[in-house]
N, C-alpha and C. Protein backbone atom coordinates (compact mmCIF):
# COMPACT_ATOMS: atom_id res chain seq x y z
N PRO A 1 128.99 98.91 72.44
CA PRO A 1 129.23 100.22 71.87
C PRO A 1 130.17 101.04 72.75
N LYS A 2 130.81 102.00 72.14
CA LYS A 2 131.78 102.83 72.84
C LYS A 2 131.14 103.66 73.95
N PHE A 3 129.93 104.19 73.69
CA PHE A 3 129.29 105.03 74.71
C PHE A 3 128.98 104.23 75.97
N LEU A 4 128.67 102.94 75.83
CA LEU A 4 128.39 102.11 77.00
C LEU A 4 129.66 101.89 77.81
N LYS A 5 130.77 101.67 77.13
CA LYS A 5 132.04 101.52 77.83
C LYS A 5 132.40 102.79 78.57
N ASP A 6 132.15 103.94 77.93
CA ASP A 6 132.50 105.22 78.55
C ASP A 6 131.60 105.53 79.75
N THR A 7 130.32 105.28 79.63
CA THR A 7 129.40 105.63 80.72
C THR A 7 129.51 104.67 81.90
N LYS A 8 129.76 103.40 81.63
CA LYS A 8 129.86 102.41 82.70
C LYS A 8 131.28 102.25 83.21
N HIS A 9 132.25 102.88 82.55
CA HIS A 9 133.67 102.75 82.91
C HIS A 9 134.05 101.27 82.97
N SER A 10 133.70 100.58 81.91
CA SER A 10 133.92 99.14 81.84
C SER A 10 134.61 98.78 80.54
N ASN A 11 135.30 97.66 80.57
CA ASN A 11 135.94 97.16 79.35
C ASN A 11 134.98 96.33 78.51
N LYS A 12 133.89 95.89 79.12
CA LYS A 12 132.91 95.08 78.40
C LYS A 12 131.97 95.98 77.62
N SER A 13 131.54 95.51 76.48
CA SER A 13 130.56 96.28 75.70
C SER A 13 129.18 95.64 75.83
N GLU A 14 128.88 95.16 77.02
CA GLU A 14 127.57 94.55 77.26
C GLU A 14 127.10 94.95 78.65
N GLU A 15 125.81 94.79 78.87
CA GLU A 15 125.22 95.16 80.15
C GLU A 15 124.18 94.13 80.53
N ASP A 16 124.11 93.79 81.81
CA ASP A 16 123.09 92.87 82.29
C ASP A 16 121.79 93.63 82.46
N ALA A 17 120.71 93.06 82.00
CA ALA A 17 119.41 93.70 82.12
C ALA A 17 118.41 92.68 82.65
N LYS A 18 117.49 93.14 83.50
CA LYS A 18 116.43 92.28 83.99
C LYS A 18 115.31 92.25 82.97
N PHE A 19 114.69 91.11 82.85
CA PHE A 19 113.56 90.99 81.94
C PHE A 19 112.65 89.90 82.47
N SER A 20 111.46 89.88 82.00
CA SER A 20 110.53 88.81 82.33
C SER A 20 109.90 88.33 81.04
N TYR A 21 109.42 87.12 81.05
CA TYR A 21 108.82 86.56 79.86
C TYR A 21 107.58 85.76 80.24
N VAL A 22 106.76 85.51 79.28
CA VAL A 22 105.52 84.77 79.48
C VAL A 22 105.54 83.57 78.55
N ILE A 23 105.18 82.43 79.08
CA ILE A 23 105.03 81.24 78.26
C ILE A 23 103.55 81.02 78.07
N ILE A 24 103.13 80.97 76.82
CA ILE A 24 101.71 80.83 76.51
C ILE A 24 101.49 79.49 75.83
N LYS A 25 100.45 78.81 76.26
CA LYS A 25 100.09 77.53 75.67
C LYS A 25 98.63 77.59 75.26
N ARG A 26 98.33 77.12 74.09
CA ARG A 26 96.94 77.10 73.63
C ARG A 26 96.15 76.06 74.40
N GLY A 27 94.87 76.36 74.56
CA GLY A 27 93.99 75.40 75.21
C GLY A 27 93.54 75.90 76.56
N LEU A 28 92.82 75.05 77.25
CA LEU A 28 92.28 75.40 78.56
C LEU A 28 93.33 75.17 79.64
N ARG A 29 93.18 75.90 80.74
CA ARG A 29 94.07 75.71 81.88
C ARG A 29 93.76 74.38 82.53
N PRO A 30 94.75 73.74 83.13
CA PRO A 30 94.48 72.48 83.83
C PRO A 30 93.54 72.73 85.00
N ASN A 31 92.60 71.84 85.19
CA ASN A 31 91.63 71.96 86.28
C ASN A 31 92.29 71.50 87.56
N SER A 32 92.15 72.28 88.62
CA SER A 32 92.81 71.98 89.88
C SER A 32 91.79 71.52 90.91
N ASN A 33 92.07 70.42 91.57
CA ASN A 33 91.23 69.95 92.67
C ASN A 33 91.82 70.38 94.00
N HIS A 34 92.80 71.28 93.96
CA HIS A 34 93.49 71.72 95.17
C HIS A 34 92.54 72.46 96.11
N SER A 35 91.59 73.23 95.58
CA SER A 35 90.67 73.98 96.44
C SER A 35 89.78 73.04 97.24
N ASN A 36 89.45 71.87 96.69
CA ASN A 36 88.64 70.90 97.42
C ASN A 36 89.43 70.28 98.56
N LEU A 37 90.73 70.14 98.39
CA LEU A 37 91.56 69.53 99.42
C LEU A 37 91.78 70.46 100.60
N THR A 38 91.80 71.76 100.38
CA THR A 38 92.10 72.68 101.47
C THR A 38 90.96 72.80 102.45
N ASN A 39 89.73 72.52 102.04
CA ASN A 39 88.58 72.65 102.93
C ASN A 39 88.39 71.41 103.80
N GLN A 40 89.02 70.30 103.48
CA GLN A 40 88.84 69.07 104.22
C GLN A 40 90.01 68.87 105.18
N PRO A 41 89.72 68.40 106.40
CA PRO A 41 90.82 68.13 107.33
C PRO A 41 91.61 66.92 106.86
N ILE A 42 92.89 66.94 107.12
CA ILE A 42 93.77 65.84 106.72
C ILE A 42 93.93 64.91 107.91
N ILE A 43 93.28 63.74 107.82
CA ILE A 43 93.39 62.73 108.87
C ILE A 43 93.81 61.45 108.18
N SER A 44 95.04 61.05 108.40
CA SER A 44 95.55 59.86 107.75
C SER A 44 96.68 59.29 108.59
N SER A 45 96.74 57.97 108.60
CA SER A 45 97.83 57.33 109.32
C SER A 45 99.01 57.04 108.39
N ASN A 46 98.78 57.19 107.10
CA ASN A 46 99.83 56.91 106.12
C ASN A 46 100.68 58.16 105.92
N LEU A 47 101.98 58.05 106.10
CA LEU A 47 102.90 59.18 105.99
C LEU A 47 102.95 59.72 104.56
N ASN A 48 102.86 58.85 103.57
CA ASN A 48 102.89 59.30 102.17
C ASN A 48 101.69 60.17 101.83
N ASP A 49 100.52 59.85 102.38
CA ASP A 49 99.33 60.68 102.14
C ASP A 49 99.52 62.07 102.71
N LEU A 50 100.10 62.15 103.91
CA LEU A 50 100.32 63.46 104.54
C LEU A 50 101.31 64.29 103.73
N GLN A 51 102.37 63.68 103.25
CA GLN A 51 103.37 64.42 102.49
C GLN A 51 102.82 64.90 101.16
N SER A 52 101.94 64.14 100.55
CA SER A 52 101.38 64.58 99.27
C SER A 52 100.46 65.78 99.45
N HIS A 53 99.81 65.91 100.61
CA HIS A 53 98.95 67.07 100.87
C HIS A 53 99.77 68.31 101.23
N GLN A 54 100.95 68.12 101.82
CA GLN A 54 101.74 69.26 102.24
C GLN A 54 102.52 69.88 101.08
N ASN A 55 102.94 69.09 100.12
CA ASN A 55 103.69 69.62 98.99
C ASN A 55 102.73 70.12 97.93
N PRO A 56 102.90 71.36 97.46
CA PRO A 56 101.99 71.87 96.44
C PRO A 56 102.19 71.15 95.12
N THR A 57 101.09 70.90 94.45
CA THR A 57 101.16 70.26 93.14
C THR A 57 101.42 71.32 92.08
N PRO A 58 101.95 70.93 90.93
CA PRO A 58 102.21 71.92 89.87
C PRO A 58 100.95 72.66 89.43
N THR A 59 99.78 72.01 89.47
CA THR A 59 98.56 72.71 89.06
C THR A 59 98.15 73.75 90.09
N SER A 60 98.44 73.51 91.39
CA SER A 60 98.09 74.52 92.39
C SER A 60 99.02 75.72 92.30
N LEU A 61 100.25 75.50 91.83
CA LEU A 61 101.17 76.61 91.66
C LEU A 61 100.70 77.56 90.57
N LEU A 62 99.92 77.06 89.61
CA LEU A 62 99.40 77.92 88.54
C LEU A 62 98.36 78.90 89.06
N GLN A 63 97.78 78.62 90.20
CA GLN A 63 96.74 79.47 90.76
C GLN A 63 97.31 80.66 91.53
N TRP A 64 98.60 80.64 91.85
CA TRP A 64 99.21 81.71 92.63
C TRP A 64 99.57 82.88 91.72
N PRO A 65 99.38 84.11 92.20
CA PRO A 65 99.81 85.27 91.40
C PRO A 65 101.33 85.35 91.31
N ARG A 66 101.81 85.98 90.25
CA ARG A 66 103.25 86.12 90.01
C ARG A 66 103.64 87.58 90.18
N ILE A 67 104.70 87.86 90.95
CA ILE A 67 105.16 89.23 91.19
C ILE A 67 105.84 89.73 89.92
N ILE A 68 105.36 90.87 89.39
CA ILE A 68 105.87 91.36 88.10
C ILE A 68 106.77 92.58 88.24
N LEU A 69 106.84 93.18 89.42
CA LEU A 69 107.74 94.31 89.67
C LEU A 69 108.43 94.09 91.01
N PRO A 70 109.57 94.71 91.23
CA PRO A 70 110.20 94.58 92.55
C PRO A 70 109.28 95.09 93.65
N PRO A 71 109.21 94.40 94.79
CA PRO A 71 108.33 94.84 95.88
C PRO A 71 108.73 96.21 96.42
N HIS A 72 107.73 97.01 96.75
CA HIS A 72 107.96 98.33 97.33
C HIS A 72 107.81 98.18 98.84
N LYS A 73 108.92 98.29 99.57
CA LYS A 73 108.93 98.05 101.01
C LYS A 73 108.77 99.36 101.76
N CYS A 74 107.68 99.48 102.48
CA CYS A 74 107.43 100.66 103.31
C CYS A 74 107.62 100.26 104.77
N LYS A 75 107.37 101.20 105.68
CA LYS A 75 107.65 100.95 107.10
C LYS A 75 106.75 99.86 107.68
N GLY A 76 105.46 99.91 107.46
CA GLY A 76 104.56 98.94 108.06
C GLY A 76 103.85 98.04 107.07
N HIS A 77 104.20 98.14 105.81
CA HIS A 77 103.56 97.32 104.79
C HIS A 77 104.46 97.17 103.57
N VAL A 78 104.11 96.22 102.73
CA VAL A 78 104.83 95.97 101.48
C VAL A 78 103.81 96.00 100.35
N ILE A 79 104.15 96.66 99.25
CA ILE A 79 103.25 96.75 98.10
C ILE A 79 103.80 95.84 97.00
N LEU A 80 102.96 94.91 96.55
CA LEU A 80 103.34 93.97 95.50
C LEU A 80 102.46 94.18 94.28
N ASP A 81 103.06 94.29 93.12
CA ASP A 81 102.33 94.31 91.85
C ASP A 81 102.42 92.91 91.28
N VAL A 82 101.26 92.28 91.10
CA VAL A 82 101.23 90.88 90.68
C VAL A 82 100.34 90.70 89.46
N CYS A 83 100.59 89.65 88.72
CA CYS A 83 99.71 89.21 87.65
C CYS A 83 98.91 88.06 88.24
N SER A 84 97.60 88.26 88.42
CA SER A 84 96.78 87.26 89.08
C SER A 84 96.39 86.15 88.12
N ASN A 85 95.81 85.08 88.67
CA ASN A 85 95.43 83.96 87.82
C ASN A 85 94.23 84.29 86.93
N SER A 86 93.54 85.39 87.21
CA SER A 86 92.45 85.83 86.34
C SER A 86 92.97 86.59 85.12
N GLY A 87 94.27 86.92 85.12
CA GLY A 87 94.87 87.63 83.99
C GLY A 87 94.97 89.12 84.21
N ASN A 88 94.51 89.62 85.34
CA ASN A 88 94.58 91.05 85.65
C ASN A 88 95.87 91.37 86.38
N ILE A 89 96.32 92.60 86.24
CA ILE A 89 97.45 93.08 87.03
C ILE A 89 96.87 93.76 88.26
N GLU A 90 97.26 93.28 89.43
CA GLU A 90 96.71 93.77 90.68
C GLU A 90 97.82 94.29 91.57
N ARG A 91 97.46 95.23 92.43
CA ARG A 91 98.38 95.74 93.44
C ARG A 91 97.90 95.23 94.79
N LEU A 92 98.73 94.40 95.43
CA LEU A 92 98.42 93.84 96.74
C LEU A 92 99.20 94.60 97.80
N ILE A 93 98.53 94.91 98.89
CA ILE A 93 99.18 95.58 100.02
C ILE A 93 99.22 94.57 101.16
N ILE A 94 100.43 94.24 101.61
CA ILE A 94 100.62 93.27 102.67
C ILE A 94 101.05 94.02 103.92
N PRO A 95 100.12 94.26 104.88
CA PRO A 95 100.50 94.98 106.10
C PRO A 95 101.12 94.02 107.12
N LYS A 96 101.77 94.60 108.12
CA LYS A 96 102.35 93.81 109.20
C LYS A 96 101.27 93.03 109.94
N SER A 97 100.08 93.63 110.02
CA SER A 97 98.99 93.01 110.77
C SER A 97 98.44 91.76 110.10
N GLN A 98 98.82 91.50 108.86
CA GLN A 98 98.34 90.30 108.17
C GLN A 98 98.95 89.04 108.77
N GLY A 99 100.10 89.16 109.34
CA GLY A 99 100.76 88.01 109.95
C GLY A 99 102.26 88.12 109.80
N LYS A 100 102.94 87.52 110.74
CA LYS A 100 104.39 87.61 110.76
C LYS A 100 105.02 86.94 109.53
N GLN A 101 104.54 85.73 109.19
CA GLN A 101 105.13 85.00 108.07
C GLN A 101 104.82 85.67 106.74
N ASP A 102 103.58 86.13 106.56
CA ASP A 102 103.21 86.80 105.31
C ASP A 102 104.03 88.07 105.10
N TYR A 103 104.18 88.87 106.15
CA TYR A 103 104.93 90.12 106.06
C TYR A 103 106.41 89.83 105.77
N TYR A 104 106.97 88.82 106.44
CA TYR A 104 108.37 88.44 106.22
C TYR A 104 108.57 87.98 104.78
N ASP A 105 107.66 87.14 104.30
CA ASP A 105 107.78 86.64 102.92
C ASP A 105 107.64 87.77 101.91
N ALA A 106 106.78 88.74 102.20
CA ALA A 106 106.61 89.87 101.28
C ALA A 106 107.89 90.70 101.22
N ARG A 107 108.53 90.91 102.35
CA ARG A 107 109.77 91.70 102.36
C ARG A 107 110.93 90.97 101.70
N LYS A 108 110.93 89.65 101.75
CA LYS A 108 112.02 88.86 101.18
C LYS A 108 111.73 88.39 99.75
N SER A 109 110.58 88.74 99.21
CA SER A 109 110.22 88.27 97.87
C SER A 109 110.97 89.06 96.80
N PHE A 110 111.07 88.47 95.62
CA PHE A 110 111.75 89.07 94.49
C PHE A 110 110.81 89.16 93.31
N TRP A 111 111.23 89.91 92.34
CA TRP A 111 110.52 90.04 91.09
C TRP A 111 110.53 88.67 90.39
N GLY A 112 109.37 88.17 90.01
CA GLY A 112 109.27 86.87 89.34
C GLY A 112 108.82 85.74 90.24
N ASP A 113 108.79 85.97 91.56
CA ASP A 113 108.36 84.93 92.49
C ASP A 113 106.85 84.74 92.42
N SER A 114 106.39 83.57 92.85
CA SER A 114 104.96 83.34 93.04
C SER A 114 104.58 83.85 94.42
N TRP A 115 103.34 84.31 94.56
CA TRP A 115 102.88 84.83 95.85
C TRP A 115 101.73 83.96 96.35
N PRO A 116 101.98 83.04 97.30
CA PRO A 116 100.96 82.09 97.72
C PRO A 116 100.02 82.59 98.81
N HIS A 117 100.32 83.72 99.47
CA HIS A 117 99.59 84.10 100.68
C HIS A 117 98.30 84.88 100.43
N GLY A 118 98.19 85.59 99.35
CA GLY A 118 97.02 86.44 99.17
C GLY A 118 97.23 87.77 99.87
N SER A 119 96.14 88.48 100.10
CA SER A 119 96.20 89.79 100.73
C SER A 119 95.05 89.93 101.71
N LYS A 120 95.24 90.80 102.71
CA LYS A 120 94.20 91.03 103.70
C LYS A 120 92.99 91.69 103.05
N LYS A 121 93.24 92.62 102.16
CA LYS A 121 92.19 93.30 101.40
C LYS A 121 92.26 92.86 99.95
N PRO A 122 91.17 92.97 99.21
CA PRO A 122 91.24 92.61 97.78
C PRO A 122 92.21 93.52 97.04
N GLY A 123 92.87 92.97 96.04
CA GLY A 123 93.85 93.73 95.27
C GLY A 123 93.21 94.79 94.41
N LEU A 124 93.93 95.87 94.18
CA LEU A 124 93.46 96.93 93.29
C LEU A 124 93.82 96.53 91.86
N ILE A 125 92.82 96.42 91.00
CA ILE A 125 93.05 95.97 89.63
C ILE A 125 93.48 97.16 88.79
N LYS A 126 94.61 97.00 88.09
CA LYS A 126 95.13 98.07 87.24
C LYS A 126 94.35 98.10 85.95
N ASN A 127 93.99 99.30 85.53
CA ASN A 127 93.22 99.50 84.31
C ASN A 127 94.18 99.49 83.12
N LEU A 128 93.99 98.55 82.20
CA LEU A 128 94.90 98.41 81.07
C LEU A 128 94.24 98.80 79.75
N ASP A 129 93.14 99.55 79.79
CA ASP A 129 92.44 99.87 78.54
C ASP A 129 92.95 101.14 77.87
N GLY A 130 94.09 101.64 78.29
CA GLY A 130 94.67 102.82 77.64
C GLY A 130 94.38 104.11 78.38
N ASN A 131 93.45 104.11 79.32
CA ASN A 131 93.21 105.32 80.11
C ASN A 131 94.37 105.52 81.06
N LYS A 132 94.77 106.73 81.21
CA LYS A 132 95.95 107.02 82.03
C LYS A 132 95.54 107.26 83.48
N SER A 133 96.53 107.39 84.32
CA SER A 133 96.28 107.52 85.75
C SER A 133 96.10 108.97 86.17
N ARG A 134 96.08 109.19 87.47
CA ARG A 134 95.77 110.49 88.04
C ARG A 134 96.69 111.60 87.55
N GLY A 135 97.98 111.34 87.41
CA GLY A 135 98.92 112.37 86.97
C GLY A 135 98.61 112.88 85.58
N ASP A 136 98.12 112.02 84.71
CA ASP A 136 97.79 112.44 83.35
C ASP A 136 96.55 113.32 83.32
N ARG A 137 95.62 113.10 84.24
CA ARG A 137 94.44 113.98 84.31
C ARG A 137 94.86 115.40 84.67
N ARG A 138 95.81 115.51 85.59
CA ARG A 138 96.30 116.84 85.98
C ARG A 138 96.98 117.52 84.79
N ARG A 139 97.76 116.74 84.06
CA ARG A 139 98.46 117.27 82.90
C ARG A 139 97.46 117.76 81.85
N LYS A 140 96.40 117.00 81.61
CA LYS A 140 95.38 117.39 80.64
C LYS A 140 94.68 118.67 81.09
N LYS A 141 94.45 118.80 82.41
CA LYS A 141 93.80 119.99 82.93
C LYS A 141 94.66 121.22 82.68
N LYS A 142 95.98 121.09 82.87
CA LYS A 142 96.89 122.21 82.60
C LYS A 142 96.87 122.56 81.12
N GLU A 143 96.89 121.53 80.26
CA GLU A 143 96.86 121.78 78.82
C GLU A 143 95.57 122.48 78.42
N PHE A 144 94.45 122.08 79.04
CA PHE A 144 93.16 122.68 78.74
C PHE A 144 93.15 124.15 79.15
N GLN A 145 93.74 124.45 80.32
CA GLN A 145 93.80 125.83 80.78
C GLN A 145 94.69 126.67 79.87
N LEU A 146 95.78 126.10 79.38
CA LEU A 146 96.66 126.84 78.47
C LEU A 146 95.97 127.10 77.13
N ASP A 147 95.16 126.15 76.67
CA ASP A 147 94.45 126.33 75.40
C ASP A 147 93.40 127.43 75.50
N GLN A 148 92.79 127.59 76.67
CA GLN A 148 91.76 128.62 76.84
C GLN A 148 92.37 130.02 76.82
N ASN A 149 93.60 130.16 77.30
CA ASN A 149 94.24 131.49 77.36
C ASN A 149 94.70 131.94 76.04
């Protein structure tokens, strides 16, 4: 459209936009034996056995939360909004004290990446039942005060 060319000062009448998508498959999720493997020590003389334990399997990747918004990078921590494997949207806070590698990975992560590290504290679950957040309560209070006058 002409307005897009005028506002972007571009000859193209198109714009790149970020988006995310979900692939849904009917049926039960694949059962993962990955949790049983992590509790057992890996003692093997066979190199192939060791390599199979170090590389994540596709079913274990399904258990990792997916980052759904760009990470918010603060001075001593990073805030990640993720879709967890339970289906909830959670806010994870990754502080510097969690570890050097975890903090580095959080700062270098992108929207759409999987997050394998977890969080030091449990994630805050976002309420998706239609109730609004703190700012909306303040707005309703102002509206209520205006209605009384």
